Amino acid sequence: MFESIAYAAEAVEGAPQVNPLVQFMPIILMFVIFYFLLIRPQQKKAKDLQAMITQLKKGDKVVTTGGILGVVSSLQDDYVVITVGGSDTKIEILKSAIAGLRQ
């Protein structure tokens, strides 16, 4: 009975050791794939949006995150005044609420 346990212990001790880097390679590879498919494009899109917001000027047609369409009538430090509708209805919105430009 004890002999079989001893033989089993010897067999386990003789097994080749796997490099820890090889064991973590799939996890590292998944992180690299997530970075290039998810994180990097998100950062690029946010950077492009921030650059567009800093280059706004009077007369630009914009779309807000709430779906409001308007034309920039004046710019301030933190907010933008846009004209919406056919009349002279003006709305003050934060610059961070601008989703993009409209053609």
C-alpha atoms as a PDB file:
ATOM      1  CA  MET A   1       0.000   0.000   0.000  1.00  0.00           C
ATOM      2  CA  PHE A   2       2.715   2.494   0.941  1.00  0.00           C
ATOM      3  CA  GLU A   3       4.805   1.433  -2.009  1.00  0.00           C
ATOM      4  CA  SER A   4       2.181   2.609  -4.519  1.00  0.00           C
ATOM      5  CA  ILE A   5       2.041   6.001  -2.821  1.00  0.00           C
ATOM      6  CA  ALA A   6       5.819   6.266  -2.959  1.00  0.00           C
ATOM      7  CA  TYR A   7       5.880   5.402  -6.669  1.00  0.00           C
ATOM      8  CA  ALA A   8       3.181   8.008  -7.347  1.00  0.00           C
ATOM      9  CA  ALA A   9       5.192  10.655  -5.502  1.00  0.00           C
ATOM     10  CA  GLU A  10       8.286   9.844  -7.535  1.00  0.00           C
ATOM     11  CA  ALA A  11       6.321  10.126 -10.790  1.00  0.00           C
ATOM     12  CA  VAL A  12       5.051  13.575  -9.854  1.00  0.00           C
ATOM     13  CA  GLU A  13       8.506  14.772  -8.887  1.00  0.00           C
ATOM     14  CA  GLY A  14       9.930  13.690 -12.227  1.00  0.00           C
ATOM     15  CA  ALA A  15       7.349  15.668 -14.262  1.00  0.00           C
ATOM     16  CA  PRO A  16       8.839  18.512 -16.329  1.00  0.00           C
ATOM     17  CA  GLN A  17       8.275  22.005 -14.919  1.00  0.00           C
ATOM     18  CA  VAL A  18       6.354  24.421 -17.148  1.00  0.00           C
ATOM     19  CA  ASN A  19       7.654  27.958 -17.475  1.00  0.00           C
ATOM     20  CA  PRO A  20       5.301  30.377 -15.615  1.00  0.00           C
ATOM     21  CA  LEU A  21       5.457  32.795 -18.558  1.00  0.00           C
ATOM     22  CA  VAL A  22       4.019  30.101 -20.815  1.00  0.00           C
ATOM     23  CA  GLN A  23       1.175  29.527 -18.352  1.00  0.00           C
ATOM     24  CA  PHE A  24       0.227  33.230 -18.341  1.00  0.00           C
ATOM     25  CA  MET A  25       0.679  33.711 -22.091  1.00  0.00           C
ATOM     26  CA  PRO A  26      -3.049  33.253 -22.931  1.00  0.00           C
ATOM     27  CA  ILE A  27      -4.025  35.900 -20.348  1.00  0.00           C
ATOM     28  CA  ILE A  28      -1.373  38.305 -21.649  1.00  0.00           C
ATOM     29  CA  LEU A  29      -2.498  37.669 -25.219  1.00  0.00           C
ATOM     30  CA  MET A  30      -6.156  38.354 -24.296  1.00  0.00           C
ATOM     31  CA  PHE A  31      -5.166  41.681 -22.686  1.00  0.00           C
ATOM     32  CA  VAL A  32      -3.244  42.718 -25.813  1.00  0.00           C
ATOM     33  CA  ILE A  33      -6.229  41.842 -28.013  1.00  0.00           C
ATOM     34  CA  PHE A  34      -8.617  43.776 -25.750  1.00  0.00           C
ATOM     35  CA  TYR A  35      -6.288  46.777 -25.829  1.00  0.00           C
ATOM     36  CA  PHE A  36      -6.125  46.950 -29.614  1.00  0.00           C
ATOM     37  CA  LEU A  37      -9.805  46.127 -30.234  1.00  0.00           C
ATOM     38  CA  LEU A  38     -11.517  48.031 -27.406  1.00  0.00           C
ATOM     39  CA  ILE A  39      -9.373  50.404 -25.358  1.00  0.00           C
ATOM     40  CA  ARG A  40      -7.253  52.064 -28.062  1.00  0.00           C
ATOM     41  CA  PRO A  41     -10.139  52.922 -30.449  1.00  0.00           C
ATOM     42  CA  GLN A  42     -12.150  54.348 -27.521  1.00  0.00           C
ATOM     43  CA  GLN A  43      -9.246  56.610 -26.520  1.00  0.00           C
ATOM     44  CA  LYS A  44      -8.741  57.739 -30.118  1.00  0.00           C
ATOM     45  CA  LYS A  45     -12.428  58.588 -30.496  1.00  0.00           C
ATOM     46  CA  ALA A  46     -12.427  60.595 -27.242  1.00  0.00           C
ATOM     47  CA  LYS A  47      -9.287  62.455 -28.330  1.00  0.00           C
ATOM     48  CA  ASP A  48     -10.833  63.327 -31.720  1.00  0.00           C
ATOM     49  CA  LEU A  49     -14.047  64.546 -30.039  1.00  0.00           C
ATOM     50  CA  GLN A  50     -12.074  66.758 -27.644  1.00  0.00           C
ATOM     51  CA  ALA A  51     -10.114  68.242 -30.557  1.00  0.00           C
ATOM     52  CA  MET A  52     -13.360  68.929 -32.434  1.00  0.00           C
ATOM     53  CA  ILE A  53     -14.872  70.672 -29.395  1.00  0.00           C
ATOM     54  CA  THR A  54     -11.830  72.930 -28.982  1.00  0.00           C
ATOM     55  CA  GLN A  55     -12.043  73.936 -32.678  1.00  0.00           C
ATOM     56  CA  LEU A  56     -15.723  74.956 -32.584  1.00  0.00           C
ATOM     57  CA  LYS A  57     -16.533  78.344 -34.067  1.00  0.00           C
ATOM     58  CA  LYS A  58     -19.578  80.496 -34.583  1.00  0.00           C
ATOM     59  CA  GLY A  59     -21.833  79.141 -37.335  1.00  0.00           C
ATOM     60  CA  ASP A  60     -20.951  75.460 -36.905  1.00  0.00           C
ATOM     61  CA  LYS A  61     -23.896  73.062 -37.024  1.00  0.00           C
ATOM     62  CA  VAL A  62     -23.762  70.697 -34.034  1.00  0.00           C
ATOM     63  CA  VAL A  63     -25.608  67.722 -32.570  1.00  0.00           C
ATOM     64  CA  THR A  64     -25.852  67.324 -28.803  1.00  0.00           C
ATOM     65  CA  THR A  65     -25.818  64.075 -26.860  1.00  0.00           C
ATOM     66  CA  GLY A  66     -29.540  64.587 -26.259  1.00  0.00           C
ATOM     67  CA  GLY A  67     -30.212  64.757 -29.991  1.00  0.00           C
ATOM     68  CA  ILE A  68     -30.771  68.502 -30.276  1.00  0.00           C
ATOM     69  CA  LEU A  69     -29.679  70.013 -33.597  1.00  0.00           C
ATOM     70  CA  GLY A  70     -28.501  73.602 -33.642  1.00  0.00           C
ATOM     71  CA  VAL A  71     -26.124  76.239 -34.902  1.00  0.00           C
ATOM     72  CA  VAL A  72     -23.440  77.735 -32.643  1.00  0.00           C
ATOM     73  CA  SER A  73     -24.222  81.401 -32.031  1.00  0.00           C
ATOM     74  CA  SER A  74     -21.602  82.146 -29.345  1.00  0.00           C
ATOM     75  CA  LEU A  75     -18.847  80.416 -27.420  1.00  0.00           C
ATOM     76  CA  GLN A  76     -17.911  80.767 -23.758  1.00  0.00           C
ATOM     77  CA  ASP A  77     -15.311  78.979 -21.632  1.00  0.00           C
ATOM     78  CA  ASP A  78     -17.482  76.104 -20.408  1.00  0.00           C
ATOM     79  CA  TYR A  79     -20.602  76.332 -22.524  1.00  0.00           C
ATOM     80  CA  VAL A  80     -21.905  77.110 -25.996  1.00  0.00           C
ATOM     81  CA  VAL A  81     -25.037  79.023 -26.982  1.00  0.00           C
ATOM     82  CA  ILE A  82     -26.795  77.340 -29.884  1.00  0.00           C
ATOM     83  CA  THR A  83     -29.758  78.498 -31.970  1.00  0.00           C
ATOM     84  CA  VAL A  84     -32.403  75.819 -32.502  1.00  0.00           C
ATOM     85  CA  GLY A  85     -35.575  75.716 -34.566  1.00  0.00           C
ATOM     86  CA  GLY A  86     -36.733  78.171 -37.174  1.00  0.00           C
ATOM     87  CA  SER A  87     -36.988  81.123 -34.790  1.00  0.00           C
ATOM     88  CA  ASP A  88     -34.334  82.690 -32.618  1.00  0.00           C
ATOM     89  CA  THR A  89     -34.637  80.165 -29.797  1.00  0.00           C
ATOM     90  CA  LYS A  90     -31.289  79.950 -28.032  1.00  0.00           C
ATOM     91  CA  ILE A  91     -30.099  77.251 -25.655  1.00  0.00           C
ATOM     92  CA  GLU A  92     -26.993  77.227 -23.496  1.00  0.00           C
ATOM     93  CA  ILE A  93     -25.334  73.808 -23.375  1.00  0.00           C
ATOM     94  CA  LEU A  94     -22.073  72.545 -21.938  1.00  0.00           C
ATOM     95  CA  LYS A  95     -19.294  71.882 -24.402  1.00  0.00           C
ATOM     96  CA  SER A  96     -19.100  68.322 -23.103  1.00  0.00           C
ATOM     97  CA  ALA A  97     -22.707  67.764 -24.276  1.00  0.00           C
ATOM     98  CA  ILE A  98     -21.764  68.197 -27.932  1.00  0.00           C
ATOM     99  CA  ALA A  99     -21.684  64.829 -29.702  1.00  0.00           C
ATOM    100  CA  GLY A 100     -20.452  65.977 -33.087  1.00  0.00           C
ATOM    101  CA  LEU A 101     -20.712  68.255 -36.077  1.00  0.00           C
ATOM    102  CA  ARG A 102     -23.514  68.098 -38.609  1.00  0.00           C
ATOM    103  CA  GLN A 103     -23.073  68.659 -42.344  1.00  0.00           C
END
